[in-house]
C-alpha atoms as a PDB file:
ATOM      1  CA  MET A   1      24.015   1.634   6.942  1.00  0.00           C
ATOM      2  CA  PRO A   2      20.644   1.818   8.766  1.00  0.00           C
ATOM      3  CA  SER A   3      19.034  -1.371  10.017  1.00  0.00           C
ATOM      4  CA  THR A   4      16.136  -2.744   7.961  1.00  0.00           C
ATOM      5  CA  ALA A   5      14.923  -5.030  10.775  1.00  0.00           C
ATOM      6  CA  ARG A   6      11.211  -4.832  11.507  1.00  0.00           C
ATOM      7  CA  PRO A   7      10.274  -3.698  15.023  1.00  0.00           C
ATOM      8  CA  ALA A   8       9.305  -6.324  17.596  1.00  0.00           C
ATOM      9  CA  ALA A   9       5.679  -7.030  18.421  1.00  0.00           C
ATOM     10  CA  VAL A  10       3.647  -4.172  19.858  1.00  0.00           C
ATOM     11  CA  LEU A  11       0.206  -4.277  21.468  1.00  0.00           C
ATOM     12  CA  TYR A  12      -1.890  -1.154  20.897  1.00  0.00           C
ATOM     13  CA  ARG A  13      -4.746  -0.684  23.388  1.00  0.00           C
ATOM     14  CA  ALA A  14      -7.763   1.615  23.285  1.00  0.00           C
ATOM     15  CA  ARG A  15     -11.338   1.978  24.466  1.00  0.00           C
ATOM     16  CA  SER A  16     -12.458   0.116  21.342  1.00  0.00           C
ATOM     17  CA  VAL A  17     -11.433  -1.116  17.914  1.00  0.00           C
ATOM     18  CA  PHE A  18     -13.411  -0.717  14.707  1.00  0.00           C
ATOM     19  CA  ASP A  19     -12.481  -3.417  12.201  1.00  0.00           C
ATOM     20  CA  GLY A  20     -15.672  -3.310  10.131  1.00  0.00           C
ATOM     21  CA  VAL A  21     -16.362  -6.985  10.825  1.00  0.00           C
ATOM     22  CA  SER A  22     -16.955  -7.848  14.460  1.00  0.00           C
ATOM     23  CA  ALA A  23     -17.955  -6.395  17.799  1.00  0.00           C
ATOM     24  CA  ILE A  24     -14.826  -6.327  19.924  1.00  0.00           C
ATOM     25  CA  PRO A  25     -15.348  -5.905  23.660  1.00  0.00           C
ATOM     26  CA  GLY A  26     -13.553  -2.922  25.172  1.00  0.00           C
ATOM     27  CA  PRO A  27     -10.942  -2.271  26.169  1.00  0.00           C
ATOM     28  CA  ALA A  28      -9.677  -3.631  22.875  1.00  0.00           C
ATOM     29  CA  GLY A  29      -6.288  -4.234  21.322  1.00  0.00           C
ATOM     30  CA  VAL A  30      -4.430  -4.644  18.060  1.00  0.00           C
ATOM     31  CA  LEU A  31      -1.328  -6.829  17.996  1.00  0.00           C
ATOM     32  CA  VAL A  32       1.267  -5.796  15.409  1.00  0.00           C
ATOM     33  CA  GLU A  33       4.281  -7.979  14.587  1.00  0.00           C
ATOM     34  CA  GLY A  34       6.901  -7.112  12.008  1.00  0.00           C
ATOM     35  CA  GLY A  35       4.911  -4.087  10.929  1.00  0.00           C
ATOM     36  CA  ARG A  36       1.739  -6.085  10.215  1.00  0.00           C
ATOM     37  CA  VAL A  37      -1.539  -6.444  12.096  1.00  0.00           C
ATOM     38  CA  VAL A  38      -1.670 -10.085  13.204  1.00  0.00           C
ATOM     39  CA  ARG A  39      -4.549 -10.128  15.695  1.00  0.00           C
ATOM     40  CA  VAL A  40      -7.397  -7.929  16.881  1.00  0.00           C
ATOM     41  CA  GLY A  41      -9.400  -8.610  20.011  1.00  0.00           C
ATOM     42  CA  ALA A  42     -10.032  -7.890  23.660  1.00  0.00           C
ATOM     43  CA  ALA A  43      -6.943  -6.258  25.214  1.00  0.00           C
ATOM     44  CA  ALA A  44      -7.060  -8.701  28.144  1.00  0.00           C
ATOM     45  CA  GLU A  45      -6.765 -11.649  25.732  1.00  0.00           C
ATOM     46  CA  LEU A  46      -3.821 -10.082  23.910  1.00  0.00           C
ATOM     47  CA  ALA A  47      -1.964  -8.909  27.037  1.00  0.00           C
ATOM     48  CA  GLY A  48       1.487 -10.463  27.332  1.00  0.00           C
ATOM     49  CA  SER A  49       1.682 -11.135  23.579  1.00  0.00           C
ATOM     50  CA  ALA A  50       4.158  -8.331  22.950  1.00  0.00           C
ATOM     51  CA  PRO A  51       7.203  -6.873  24.710  1.00  0.00           C
ATOM     52  CA  ALA A  52       5.919  -3.341  24.086  1.00  0.00           C
ATOM     53  CA  GLU A  53       2.494  -1.794  24.595  1.00  0.00           C
ATOM     54  CA  HIS A  54       1.002   1.566  23.715  1.00  0.00           C
ATOM     55  CA  ASP A  55      -2.280   2.725  25.271  1.00  0.00           C
ATOM     56  CA  PHE A  56      -4.481   5.161  23.319  1.00  0.00           C
ATOM     57  CA  GLY A  57      -6.815   5.521  26.302  1.00  0.00           C
ATOM     58  CA  THR A  58     -10.340   6.477  25.251  1.00  0.00           C
ATOM     59  CA  GLY A  59      -9.464   6.459  21.557  1.00  0.00           C
ATOM     60  CA  VAL A  60     -10.767   4.099  18.893  1.00  0.00           C
ATOM     61  CA  ILE A  61      -8.277   2.098  16.817  1.00  0.00           C
ATOM     62  CA  VAL A  62      -8.960   1.366  13.161  1.00  0.00           C
ATOM     63  CA  PRO A  63      -6.450  -1.368  12.224  1.00  0.00           C
ATOM     64  CA  GLY A  64      -6.029  -0.317   8.607  1.00  0.00           C
ATOM     65  CA  PHE A  65      -7.699   0.827   5.441  1.00  0.00           C
ATOM     66  CA  VAL A  66      -7.247  -0.725   1.995  1.00  0.00           C
ATOM     67  CA  ASP A  67      -7.151   1.715  -0.901  1.00  0.00           C
ATOM     68  CA  ALA A  68      -8.337  -0.459  -3.790  1.00  0.00           C
ATOM     69  CA  HIS A  69      -7.473   2.004  -6.592  1.00  0.00           C
ATOM     70  CA  THR A  70      -4.616   4.444  -6.305  1.00  0.00           C
ATOM     71  CA  HIS A  71      -1.226   5.377  -7.718  1.00  0.00           C
ATOM     72  CA  VAL A  72       2.193   5.875  -6.144  1.00  0.00           C
ATOM     73  CA  THR A  73       3.205   8.975  -8.096  1.00  0.00           C
ATOM     74  CA  LEU A  74       0.001  10.685  -9.232  1.00  0.00           C
ATOM     75  CA  ARG A  75      -1.925  13.382  -7.403  1.00  0.00           C
ATOM     76  CA  PRO A  76      -5.337  13.536  -9.096  1.00  0.00           C
ATOM     77  CA  GLY A  77      -6.250  16.851  -7.464  1.00  0.00           C
ATOM     78  CA  GLU A  78      -3.420  18.537  -9.358  1.00  0.00           C
ATOM     79  CA  GLY A  79      -4.924  17.672 -12.766  1.00  0.00           C
ATOM     80  CA  ASP A  80      -3.210  16.492 -15.969  1.00  0.00           C
ATOM     81  CA  GLN A  81      -2.741  12.928 -14.816  1.00  0.00           C
ATOM     82  CA  ASP A  82      -1.399  11.906 -18.230  1.00  0.00           C
ATOM     83  CA  GLY A  83       1.263  14.606 -17.923  1.00  0.00           C
ATOM     84  CA  GLN A  84       2.123  13.458 -14.410  1.00  0.00           C
ATOM     85  CA  SER A  85       2.425   9.868 -15.706  1.00  0.00           C
ATOM     86  CA  MET A  86       4.863  10.929 -18.410  1.00  0.00           C
ATOM     87  CA  ALA A  87       7.082  13.017 -16.107  1.00  0.00           C
ATOM     88  CA  PRO A  88      10.706  11.888 -15.703  1.00  0.00           C
ATOM     89  CA  ALA A  89      11.332   8.872 -13.469  1.00  0.00           C
ATOM     90  CA  ALA A  90      13.340  10.918 -10.945  1.00  0.00           C
ATOM     91  CA  TRP A  91      10.458  13.398 -10.490  1.00  0.00           C
ATOM     92  CA  GLN A  92       7.987  10.547 -10.062  1.00  0.00           C
ATOM     93  CA  THR A  93      10.261   8.808  -7.556  1.00  0.00           C
ATOM     94  CA  ILE A  94      10.488  11.932  -5.386  1.00  0.00           C
ATOM     95  CA  ARG A  95       6.702  12.346  -5.416  1.00  0.00           C
ATOM     96  CA  GLY A  96       6.275   8.669  -4.606  1.00  0.00           C
ATOM     97  CA  PHE A  97       8.095   9.004  -1.275  1.00  0.00           C
ATOM     98  CA  ALA A  98       5.764  11.780  -0.131  1.00  0.00           C
ATOM     99  CA  ASN A  99       2.631  10.078  -1.473  1.00  0.00           C
ATOM    100  CA  LEU A 100       3.426   6.794   0.301  1.00  0.00           C
ATOM    101  CA  ARG A 101       3.997   8.612   3.606  1.00  0.00           C
ATOM    102  CA  ARG A 102       0.658  10.411   3.181  1.00  0.00           C
ATOM    103  CA  MET A 103      -1.141   7.126   2.500  1.00  0.00           C
ATOM    104  CA  LEU A 104       0.273   5.533   5.636  1.00  0.00           C
ATOM    105  CA  ALA A 105      -0.412   8.613   7.773  1.00  0.00           C
ATOM    106  CA  SER A 106      -4.055   8.581   6.615  1.00  0.00           C
ATOM    107  CA  GLY A 107      -4.501   4.999   7.859  1.00  0.00           C
ATOM    108  CA  VAL A 108      -4.006   3.131   4.571  1.00  0.00           C
ATOM    109  CA  THR A 109      -2.068  -0.055   5.333  1.00  0.00           C
ATOM    110  CA  THR A 110      -2.559  -1.731   1.930  1.00  0.00           C
ATOM    111  CA  ALA A 111      -2.812   0.015  -1.443  1.00  0.00           C
ATOM    112  CA  ARG A 112      -3.708  -1.555  -4.785  1.00  0.00           C
ATOM    113  CA  ILE A 113      -1.675   0.375  -7.355  1.00  0.00           C
ATOM    114  CA  MET A 114      -3.405   0.523 -10.724  1.00  0.00           C
ATOM    115  CA  THR A 115      -0.641   1.662 -13.069  1.00  0.00           C
ATOM    116  CA  GLU A 116       2.758   3.320 -12.943  1.00  0.00           C
ATOM    117  CA  GLU A 117       5.460   4.031 -15.466  1.00  0.00           C
ATOM    118  CA  HIS A 118       9.154   3.116 -15.095  1.00  0.00           C
ATOM    119  CA  ARG A 119       8.415   0.037 -12.877  1.00  0.00           C
ATOM    120  CA  ILE A 120       8.177   2.460  -9.955  1.00  0.00           C
ATOM    121  CA  ASP A 121       5.366   0.541  -8.258  1.00  0.00           C
ATOM    122  CA  LEU A 122       7.314  -2.742  -8.416  1.00  0.00           C
ATOM    123  CA  GLU A 123      10.447  -1.096  -7.023  1.00  0.00           C
ATOM    124  CA  TYR A 124       8.531   0.620  -4.208  1.00  0.00           C
ATOM    125  CA  ARG A 125       6.675  -2.603  -3.337  1.00  0.00           C
ATOM    126  CA  ASP A 126       9.953  -4.471  -2.973  1.00  0.00           C
ATOM    127  CA  ALA A 127      11.706  -1.617  -1.109  1.00  0.00           C
ATOM    128  CA  ILE A 128       8.822  -1.434   1.391  1.00  0.00           C
ATOM    129  CA  GLU A 129       9.017  -5.205   1.931  1.00  0.00           C
ATOM    130  CA  ARG A 130      12.772  -4.901   2.589  1.00  0.00           C
ATOM    131  CA  GLY A 131      12.146  -2.074   5.066  1.00  0.00           C
ATOM    132  CA  GLU A 132      14.065   0.491   2.974  1.00  0.00           C
ATOM    133  CA  VAL A 133      11.045   2.711   2.322  1.00  0.00           C
ATOM    134  CA  THR A 134       8.135   3.573   4.602  1.00  0.00           C
ATOM    135  CA  GLY A 135       4.720   2.991   3.097  1.00  0.00           C
ATOM    136  CA  PRO A 136       1.693   0.716   3.058  1.00  0.00           C
ATOM    137  CA  ARG A 137       1.837  -2.803   1.638  1.00  0.00           C
ATOM    138  CA  LEU A 138       1.533  -2.426  -2.140  1.00  0.00           C
ATOM    139  CA  LEU A 139      -0.271  -4.699  -4.580  1.00  0.00           C
ATOM    140  CA  VAL A 140       1.036  -3.580  -7.963  1.00  0.00           C
ATOM    141  CA  SER A 141       0.139  -3.925 -11.649  1.00  0.00           C
ATOM    142  CA  GLY A 142       3.124  -2.381 -13.419  1.00  0.00           C
ATOM    143  CA  VAL A 143       2.354  -0.379 -16.548  1.00  0.00           C
ATOM    144  CA  GLY A 144      -1.388  -0.465 -17.127  1.00  0.00           C
ATOM    145  CA  LEU A 145      -3.050  -2.144 -20.086  1.00  0.00           C
ATOM    146  CA  SER A 146      -5.589  -0.261 -22.147  1.00  0.00           C
ATOM    147  CA  PRO A 147      -6.533   0.032 -25.813  1.00  0.00           C
ATOM    148  CA  PRO A 148      -4.885   2.795 -27.842  1.00  0.00           C
ATOM    149  CA  GLY A 149      -6.374   6.086 -26.665  1.00  0.00           C
ATOM    150  CA  GLY A 150      -8.327   4.353 -23.869  1.00  0.00           C
ATOM    151  CA  HIS A 151      -8.579   5.402 -20.233  1.00  0.00           C
ATOM    152  CA  GLY A 152      -5.149   5.722 -18.661  1.00  0.00           C
ATOM    153  CA  CYS A 153      -3.355   5.115 -21.945  1.00  0.00           C
ATOM    154  CA  VAL A 154      -0.264   7.308 -22.052  1.00  0.00           C
ATOM    155  CA  GLY A 155       1.729   5.142 -24.478  1.00  0.00           C
ATOM    156  CA  PRO A 156       0.745   3.339 -27.648  1.00  0.00           C
ATOM    157  CA  GLY A 157      -1.783   1.090 -25.888  1.00  0.00           C
ATOM    158  CA  VAL A 158      -2.441  -2.579 -26.576  1.00  0.00           C
ATOM    159  CA  ALA A 159      -4.379  -3.571 -29.702  1.00  0.00           C
ATOM    160  CA  GLY A 160      -5.494  -7.105 -30.501  1.00  0.00           C
ATOM    161  CA  THR A 161      -5.547 -10.407 -28.668  1.00  0.00           C
ATOM    162  CA  GLY A 162      -1.965 -11.368 -29.541  1.00  0.00           C
ATOM    163  CA  ALA A 163      -0.560  -8.103 -28.210  1.00  0.00           C
ATOM    164  CA  LEU A 164      -2.746  -8.351 -25.114  1.00  0.00           C
ATOM    165  CA  ARG A 165      -1.576 -11.917 -24.389  1.00  0.00           C
ATOM    166  CA  GLU A 166       2.053 -10.838 -24.735  1.00  0.00           C
ATOM    167  CA  ALA A 167       1.496  -7.813 -22.474  1.00  0.00           C
ATOM    168  CA  VAL A 168      -0.124 -10.018 -19.803  1.00  0.00           C
ATOM    169  CA  ARG A 169       2.767 -12.519 -20.051  1.00  0.00           C
ATOM    170  CA  SER A 170       5.231  -9.650 -19.665  1.00  0.00           C
ATOM    171  CA  ARG A 171       3.462  -8.317 -16.546  1.00  0.00           C
ATOM    172  CA  ALA A 172       3.287 -11.821 -15.065  1.00  0.00           C
ATOM    173  CA  GLY A 173       7.018 -12.188 -15.721  1.00  0.00           C
ATOM    174  CA  ASP A 174       7.554  -8.957 -13.791  1.00  0.00           C
ATOM    175  CA  GLN A 175       5.738 -10.632 -10.852  1.00  0.00           C
ATOM    176  CA  VAL A 176       2.949  -8.080 -10.616  1.00  0.00           C
ATOM    177  CA  ASP A 177       0.187  -8.737  -8.092  1.00  0.00           C
ATOM    178  CA  HIS A 178      -2.705  -8.073 -10.457  1.00  0.00           C
ATOM    179  CA  ILE A 179      -3.390  -7.319 -14.127  1.00  0.00           C
END
């Protein structure tokens, strides 16, 4: 059985870092521990913080992008998103592996998943946290909530305050990250 241990701390160095917040003097560094960015700053200040270092030379490091609205299994460019949502769980699971790898390779380190069928987003979130699946950190919602026939509604939808309250309680019981 493969190890699920997170790699030790690594310091990534480059000419500069763009974090969208502050001016970081070059050469700059990003300290990653357990697969997460824990500190960004001048490389000289971070030196000695990690047993391993990787130097990107004259490159610019962008510590991570957050995709605030995406899906694990859908590919919007392929059309028929409702049809994709209703595909069998096994098909969606296979697509999810590739989609998560693409997200990570594009620089997305956190993704807010808006709706998935079959609890796939919850299962992927937990598998990523355990180190069993490679992908960005996921903030998940479970099956989306919309009125019957509303945007993203592939099932019967939720009609009325009582049904909405029960649906929210159900999602909270599933330990989703957002509704």
